[in-house]
Amino acid sequence: MLGYLAAGVVGYFIGVILTCILLAKRNLETYQKLSSKTETSLKNNIALAKGAYKAYIKEYEEGSNGSDDVSDEEDEYETPDDVYFDEHNEAQAEQEVEENLGYAAEGDNEDEENN
């Protein structure tokens, strides 16, 4: 009877230890994915902020230099919002490329682990 009790206690502790190890591994993977997404999001937000800043500075400098001449063609004049969205689209395209490369690399690693 005492042997069964000791085996149960030892089995319980082995189960707890294995569960902790597996959960730690899973949480580490989740942390790495979130930190990667946060880093790319931060880079994207910085690029957007720079684009908006440059656009508004450009507009301010053009307005303060007395160059209020506006041509009849609207295509020649680029508004700050146009510059902002151009920067946003470029940053978003970079992020998508990085994510696609990341997914490709993850797929390669999974294939190697399966073999």
N, C-alpha and C. Protein backbone atom coordinates (compact mmCIF):
# COMPACT_ATOMS: atom_id res chain seq x y z
N MET A 1 0.82 -1.20 0.00
CA MET A 1 0.00 0.00 0.00
C MET A 1 0.87 1.26 0.00
N LEU A 2 1.91 1.24 0.81
CA LEU A 2 2.81 2.39 0.89
C LEU A 2 3.56 2.59 -0.44
N GLY A 3 3.82 1.50 -1.15
CA GLY A 3 4.50 1.58 -2.44
C GLY A 3 3.65 2.29 -3.48
N TYR A 4 2.33 2.01 -3.46
CA TYR A 4 1.43 2.67 -4.40
C TYR A 4 1.33 4.17 -4.12
N LEU A 5 1.32 4.52 -2.86
CA LEU A 5 1.25 5.93 -2.47
C LEU A 5 2.53 6.66 -2.91
N ALA A 6 3.68 6.03 -2.70
CA ALA A 6 4.95 6.64 -3.11
C ALA A 6 5.01 6.77 -4.64
N ALA A 7 4.55 5.74 -5.37
CA ALA A 7 4.54 5.81 -6.84
C ALA A 7 3.61 6.91 -7.32
N GLY A 8 2.47 7.07 -6.65
CA GLY A 8 1.53 8.14 -7.01
C GLY A 8 2.13 9.52 -6.80
N VAL A 9 2.81 9.72 -5.69
CA VAL A 9 3.43 11.01 -5.38
C VAL A 9 4.55 11.30 -6.39
N VAL A 10 5.38 10.32 -6.68
CA VAL A 10 6.47 10.51 -7.64
C VAL A 10 5.89 10.80 -9.03
N GLY A 11 4.86 10.08 -9.44
CA GLY A 11 4.21 10.31 -10.73
C GLY A 11 3.61 11.70 -10.82
N TYR A 12 3.02 12.15 -9.72
CA TYR A 12 2.44 13.50 -9.67
C TYR A 12 3.51 14.55 -9.91
N PHE A 13 4.64 14.43 -9.22
CA PHE A 13 5.70 15.41 -9.36
C PHE A 13 6.33 15.37 -10.76
N ILE A 14 6.49 14.19 -11.32
CA ILE A 14 7.00 14.08 -12.69
C ILE A 14 6.04 14.76 -13.67
N GLY A 15 4.74 14.56 -13.48
CA GLY A 15 3.74 15.20 -14.33
C GLY A 15 3.77 16.71 -14.21
N VAL A 16 3.90 17.20 -13.00
CA VAL A 16 3.97 18.65 -12.79
C VAL A 16 5.20 19.23 -13.47
N ILE A 17 6.33 18.57 -13.35
CA ILE A 17 7.57 19.06 -13.95
C ILE A 17 7.47 19.07 -15.47
N LEU A 18 6.96 17.98 -16.05
CA LEU A 18 6.81 17.92 -17.51
C LEU A 18 5.83 18.98 -18.02
N THR A 19 4.75 19.18 -17.30
CA THR A 19 3.77 20.19 -17.69
C THR A 19 4.39 21.59 -17.66
N CYS A 20 5.16 21.86 -16.64
CA CYS A 20 5.82 23.18 -16.54
C CYS A 20 6.79 23.40 -17.69
N ILE A 21 7.53 22.37 -18.04
CA ILE A 21 8.49 22.49 -19.14
C ILE A 21 7.77 22.74 -20.46
N LEU A 22 6.71 21.98 -20.73
CA LEU A 22 5.97 22.14 -21.98
C LEU A 22 5.28 23.50 -22.06
N LEU A 23 4.71 23.95 -20.96
CA LEU A 23 4.06 25.27 -20.96
C LEU A 23 5.09 26.39 -21.12
N ALA A 24 6.26 26.23 -20.53
CA ALA A 24 7.30 27.24 -20.67
C ALA A 24 7.75 27.34 -22.13
N LYS A 25 7.89 26.19 -22.78
CA LYS A 25 8.29 26.19 -24.19
C LYS A 25 7.23 26.87 -25.05
N ARG A 26 5.97 26.55 -24.80
CA ARG A 26 4.87 27.15 -25.57
C ARG A 26 4.79 28.66 -25.33
N ASN A 27 4.96 29.09 -24.10
CA ASN A 27 4.91 30.51 -23.78
C ASN A 27 6.09 31.26 -24.40
N LEU A 28 7.24 30.62 -24.47
CA LEU A 28 8.41 31.24 -25.10
C LEU A 28 8.15 31.45 -26.59
N GLU A 29 7.57 30.47 -27.27
CA GLU A 29 7.25 30.62 -28.69
C GLU A 29 6.25 31.75 -28.90
N THR A 30 5.23 31.82 -28.06
CA THR A 30 4.24 32.88 -28.16
C THR A 30 4.88 34.24 -27.93
N TYR A 31 5.77 34.33 -26.95
CA TYR A 31 6.47 35.58 -26.67
C TYR A 31 7.30 36.04 -27.87
N GLN A 32 8.01 35.10 -28.50
CA GLN A 32 8.84 35.45 -29.65
C GLN A 32 7.98 35.94 -30.81
N LYS A 33 6.83 35.31 -31.06
CA LYS A 33 5.95 35.75 -32.14
C LYS A 33 5.41 37.14 -31.86
N LEU A 34 4.97 37.38 -30.62
CA LEU A 34 4.42 38.69 -30.28
C LEU A 34 5.48 39.78 -30.33
N SER A 35 6.69 39.48 -29.87
CA SER A 35 7.74 40.49 -29.90
C SER A 35 8.13 40.81 -31.34
N SER A 36 8.11 39.82 -32.21
CA SER A 36 8.41 40.05 -33.62
C SER A 36 7.34 40.95 -34.26
N LYS A 37 6.07 40.65 -33.99
CA LYS A 37 4.99 41.46 -34.54
C LYS A 37 5.03 42.88 -33.97
N THR A 38 5.35 43.00 -32.70
CA THR A 38 5.43 44.32 -32.07
C THR A 38 6.57 45.13 -32.67
N GLU A 39 7.69 44.48 -32.93
CA GLU A 39 8.83 45.18 -33.52
C GLU A 39 8.50 45.70 -34.92
N THR A 40 7.87 44.86 -35.74
CA THR A 40 7.52 45.30 -37.09
C THR A 40 6.45 46.38 -37.04
N SER A 41 5.53 46.26 -36.09
CA SER A 41 4.50 47.28 -35.95
C SER A 41 5.12 48.61 -35.52
N LEU A 42 6.08 48.54 -34.63
CA LEU A 42 6.76 49.76 -34.18
C LEU A 42 7.51 50.41 -35.33
N LYS A 43 8.21 49.60 -36.13
CA LYS A 43 8.92 50.15 -37.29
C LYS A 43 7.94 50.80 -38.26
N ASN A 44 6.80 50.16 -38.46
CA ASN A 44 5.77 50.67 -39.35
C ASN A 44 5.24 52.02 -38.84
N ASN A 45 4.97 52.09 -37.54
CA ASN A 45 4.45 53.33 -36.96
C ASN A 45 5.48 54.45 -37.02
N ILE A 46 6.74 54.12 -36.84
CA ILE A 46 7.80 55.14 -36.94
C ILE A 46 7.89 55.66 -38.37
N ALA A 47 7.79 54.76 -39.34
CA ALA A 47 7.83 55.18 -40.74
C ALA A 47 6.64 56.07 -41.07
N LEU A 48 5.48 55.74 -40.54
CA LEU A 48 4.30 56.57 -40.77
C LEU A 48 4.46 57.95 -40.14
N ALA A 49 4.99 57.98 -38.93
CA ALA A 49 5.19 59.26 -38.25
C ALA A 49 6.20 60.13 -39.00
N LYS A 50 7.27 59.51 -39.49
CA LYS A 50 8.26 60.26 -40.26
C LYS A 50 7.65 60.83 -41.54
N GLY A 51 6.84 60.02 -42.21
CA GLY A 51 6.19 60.48 -43.44
C GLY A 51 5.28 61.66 -43.18
N ALA A 52 4.48 61.57 -42.13
CA ALA A 52 3.58 62.66 -41.80
C ALA A 52 4.36 63.92 -41.42
N TYR A 53 5.42 63.74 -40.63
CA TYR A 53 6.24 64.88 -40.21
C TYR A 53 6.88 65.56 -41.41
N LYS A 54 7.48 64.77 -42.29
CA LYS A 54 8.11 65.34 -43.48
C LYS A 54 7.10 66.07 -44.36
N ALA A 55 5.92 65.50 -44.49
CA ALA A 55 4.90 66.12 -45.33
C ALA A 55 4.44 67.46 -44.76
N TYR A 56 4.22 67.51 -43.47
CA TYR A 56 3.78 68.76 -42.87
C TYR A 56 4.88 69.81 -42.84
N ILE A 57 6.13 69.37 -42.67
CA ILE A 57 7.26 70.32 -42.74
C ILE A 57 7.38 70.86 -44.16
N LYS A 58 7.24 69.98 -45.13
CA LYS A 58 7.32 70.41 -46.52
C LYS A 58 6.22 71.42 -46.84
N GLU A 59 5.03 71.14 -46.37
CA GLU A 59 3.91 72.06 -46.60
C GLU A 59 4.17 73.40 -45.90
N TYR A 60 4.69 73.35 -44.69
CA TYR A 60 4.97 74.57 -43.95
C TYR A 60 6.04 75.40 -44.66
N GLU A 61 7.11 74.74 -45.11
CA GLU A 61 8.19 75.46 -45.79
C GLU A 61 7.71 76.06 -47.10
N GLU A 62 6.90 75.35 -47.83
CA GLU A 62 6.38 75.89 -49.09
C GLU A 62 5.45 77.07 -48.83
N GLY A 63 4.70 77.00 -47.78
CA GLY A 63 3.78 78.09 -47.45
C GLY A 63 4.51 79.31 -46.93
N SER A 64 5.61 79.13 -46.19
CA SER A 64 6.31 80.26 -45.59
C SER A 64 7.27 80.93 -46.57
N ASN A 65 7.63 80.26 -47.68
CA ASN A 65 8.53 80.84 -48.67
C ASN A 65 7.80 81.73 -49.66
N GLY A 66 6.52 81.87 -49.51
CA GLY A 66 5.76 82.73 -50.41
C GLY A 66 5.44 82.07 -51.72
N SER A 67 5.65 80.78 -51.81
CA SER A 67 5.34 80.09 -53.06
C SER A 67 3.91 79.57 -53.01
N ASP A 68 2.99 80.52 -53.04
CA ASP A 68 1.57 80.16 -52.98
C ASP A 68 1.01 79.94 -54.38
N ASP A 69 1.89 79.89 -55.38
CA ASP A 69 1.43 79.67 -56.75
C ASP A 69 0.93 78.24 -56.87
N VAL A 70 -0.35 78.11 -57.16
CA VAL A 70 -0.93 76.80 -57.32
C VAL A 70 -1.27 76.65 -58.79
N SER A 71 -0.75 75.61 -59.40
CA SER A 71 -1.02 75.40 -60.82
C SER A 71 -2.43 74.87 -61.00
N ASP A 72 -2.91 74.93 -62.22
CA ASP A 72 -4.26 74.47 -62.51
C ASP A 72 -4.35 72.95 -62.44
N GLU A 73 -3.22 72.28 -62.66
CA GLU A 73 -3.25 70.83 -62.61
C GLU A 73 -3.07 70.36 -61.18
N GLU A 74 -4.04 69.61 -60.70
CA GLU A 74 -4.00 69.14 -59.32
C GLU A 74 -3.01 68.00 -59.13
N ASP A 75 -2.61 67.33 -60.21
CA ASP A 75 -1.71 66.20 -60.09
C ASP A 75 -0.32 66.63 -59.66
N GLU A 76 0.08 67.86 -59.95
CA GLU A 76 1.42 68.31 -59.63
C GLU A 76 1.57 68.59 -58.14
N TYR A 77 0.51 69.00 -57.49
CA TYR A 77 0.58 69.35 -56.07
C TYR A 77 0.33 68.10 -55.23
N GLU A 78 1.28 67.81 -54.37
CA GLU A 78 1.15 66.64 -53.51
C GLU A 78 0.82 67.10 -52.10
N THR A 79 -0.31 66.70 -51.60
CA THR A 79 -0.72 67.11 -50.26
C THR A 79 0.03 66.30 -49.21
N PRO A 80 0.07 66.79 -47.99
CA PRO A 80 0.72 66.03 -46.92
C PRO A 80 0.08 64.65 -46.72
N ASP A 81 -1.22 64.58 -46.94
CA ASP A 81 -1.88 63.28 -46.78
C ASP A 81 -1.40 62.29 -47.83
N ASP A 82 -1.14 62.79 -49.06
CA ASP A 82 -0.63 61.90 -50.11
C ASP A 82 0.73 61.33 -49.72
N VAL A 83 1.60 62.20 -49.21
CA VAL A 83 2.92 61.75 -48.79
C VAL A 83 2.79 60.78 -47.63
N TYR A 84 1.91 61.09 -46.70
CA TYR A 84 1.69 60.24 -45.54
C TYR A 84 1.25 58.84 -45.98
N PHE A 85 0.28 58.79 -46.89
CA PHE A 85 -0.23 57.50 -47.32
C PHE A 85 0.79 56.76 -48.18
N ASP A 86 1.62 57.49 -48.93
CA ASP A 86 2.69 56.83 -49.68
C ASP A 86 3.66 56.14 -48.72
N GLU A 87 4.06 56.86 -47.65
CA GLU A 87 4.96 56.29 -46.65
C GLU A 87 4.29 55.10 -45.97
N HIS A 88 3.00 55.24 -45.68
CA HIS A 88 2.26 54.15 -45.03
C HIS A 88 2.23 52.91 -45.91
N ASN A 89 1.95 53.10 -47.19
CA ASN A 89 1.87 51.97 -48.11
C ASN A 89 3.23 51.29 -48.26
N GLU A 90 4.31 52.09 -48.30
CA GLU A 90 5.64 51.51 -48.40
C GLU A 90 5.97 50.70 -47.15
N ALA A 91 5.66 51.25 -45.99
CA ALA A 91 5.94 50.55 -44.74
C ALA A 91 5.11 49.27 -44.64
N GLN A 92 3.86 49.35 -45.09
CA GLN A 92 3.00 48.17 -45.05
C GLN A 92 3.52 47.09 -46.01
N ALA A 93 4.00 47.49 -47.16
CA ALA A 93 4.55 46.53 -48.11
C ALA A 93 5.80 45.86 -47.52
N GLU A 94 6.65 46.64 -46.85
CA GLU A 94 7.84 46.07 -46.22
C GLU A 94 7.45 45.06 -45.14
N GLN A 95 6.43 45.41 -44.36
CA GLN A 95 5.98 44.52 -43.30
C GLN A 95 5.45 43.22 -43.88
N GLU A 96 4.70 43.29 -44.97
CA GLU A 96 4.16 42.08 -45.58
C GLU A 96 5.28 41.20 -46.12
N VAL A 97 6.31 41.81 -46.70
CA VAL A 97 7.45 41.04 -47.21
C VAL A 97 8.16 40.35 -46.05
N GLU A 98 8.38 41.08 -44.95
CA GLU A 98 9.04 40.49 -43.80
C GLU A 98 8.23 39.35 -43.22
N GLU A 99 6.90 39.52 -43.15
CA GLU A 99 6.04 38.46 -42.62
C GLU A 99 6.08 37.25 -43.53
N ASN A 100 6.07 37.47 -44.85
CA ASN A 100 6.12 36.35 -45.78
C ASN A 100 7.44 35.60 -45.66
N LEU A 101 8.53 36.33 -45.48
CA LEU A 101 9.82 35.69 -45.29
C LEU A 101 9.85 34.91 -43.98
N GLY A 102 9.23 35.48 -42.95
CA GLY A 102 9.17 34.81 -41.65
C GLY A 102 8.37 33.52 -41.73
N TYR A 103 7.24 33.55 -42.45
CA TYR A 103 6.42 32.35 -42.58
C TYR A 103 7.16 31.29 -43.39
N ALA A 104 7.89 31.71 -44.40
CA ALA A 104 8.64 30.77 -45.22
C ALA A 104 9.73 30.11 -44.37
N ALA A 105 10.39 30.90 -43.54
CA ALA A 105 11.44 30.36 -42.69
C ALA A 105 10.85 29.41 -41.65
N GLU A 106 9.68 29.74 -41.08
CA GLU A 106 9.04 28.86 -40.12
C GLU A 106 8.66 27.54 -40.79
N GLY A 107 8.16 27.60 -42.01
CA GLY A 107 7.79 26.39 -42.73
C GLY A 107 9.00 25.52 -43.00
N ASP A 108 10.14 26.12 -43.33
CA ASP A 108 11.36 25.36 -43.55
C ASP A 108 11.80 24.66 -42.28
N ASN A 109 11.71 25.35 -41.16
CA ASN A 109 12.12 24.76 -39.88
C ASN A 109 11.21 23.60 -39.51
N GLU A 110 9.92 23.74 -39.76
CA GLU A 110 8.98 22.67 -39.42
C GLU A 110 9.25 21.45 -40.29
N ASP A 111 9.58 21.66 -41.58
CA ASP A 111 9.88 20.54 -42.46
C ASP A 111 11.14 19.81 -41.98
N GLU A 112 12.14 20.56 -41.56
CA GLU A 112 13.37 19.96 -41.08
C GLU A 112 13.13 19.16 -39.81
N GLU A 113 12.26 19.67 -38.92
CA GLU A 113 11.97 18.97 -37.68
C GLU A 113 11.20 17.68 -37.95
N ASN A 114 10.32 17.68 -38.94
CA ASN A 114 9.54 16.49 -39.26
C ASN A 114 10.38 15.39 -39.86
N ASN A 115 11.47 15.75 -40.54
CA ASN A 115 12.32 14.74 -41.18
C ASN A 115 13.24 14.13 -40.22
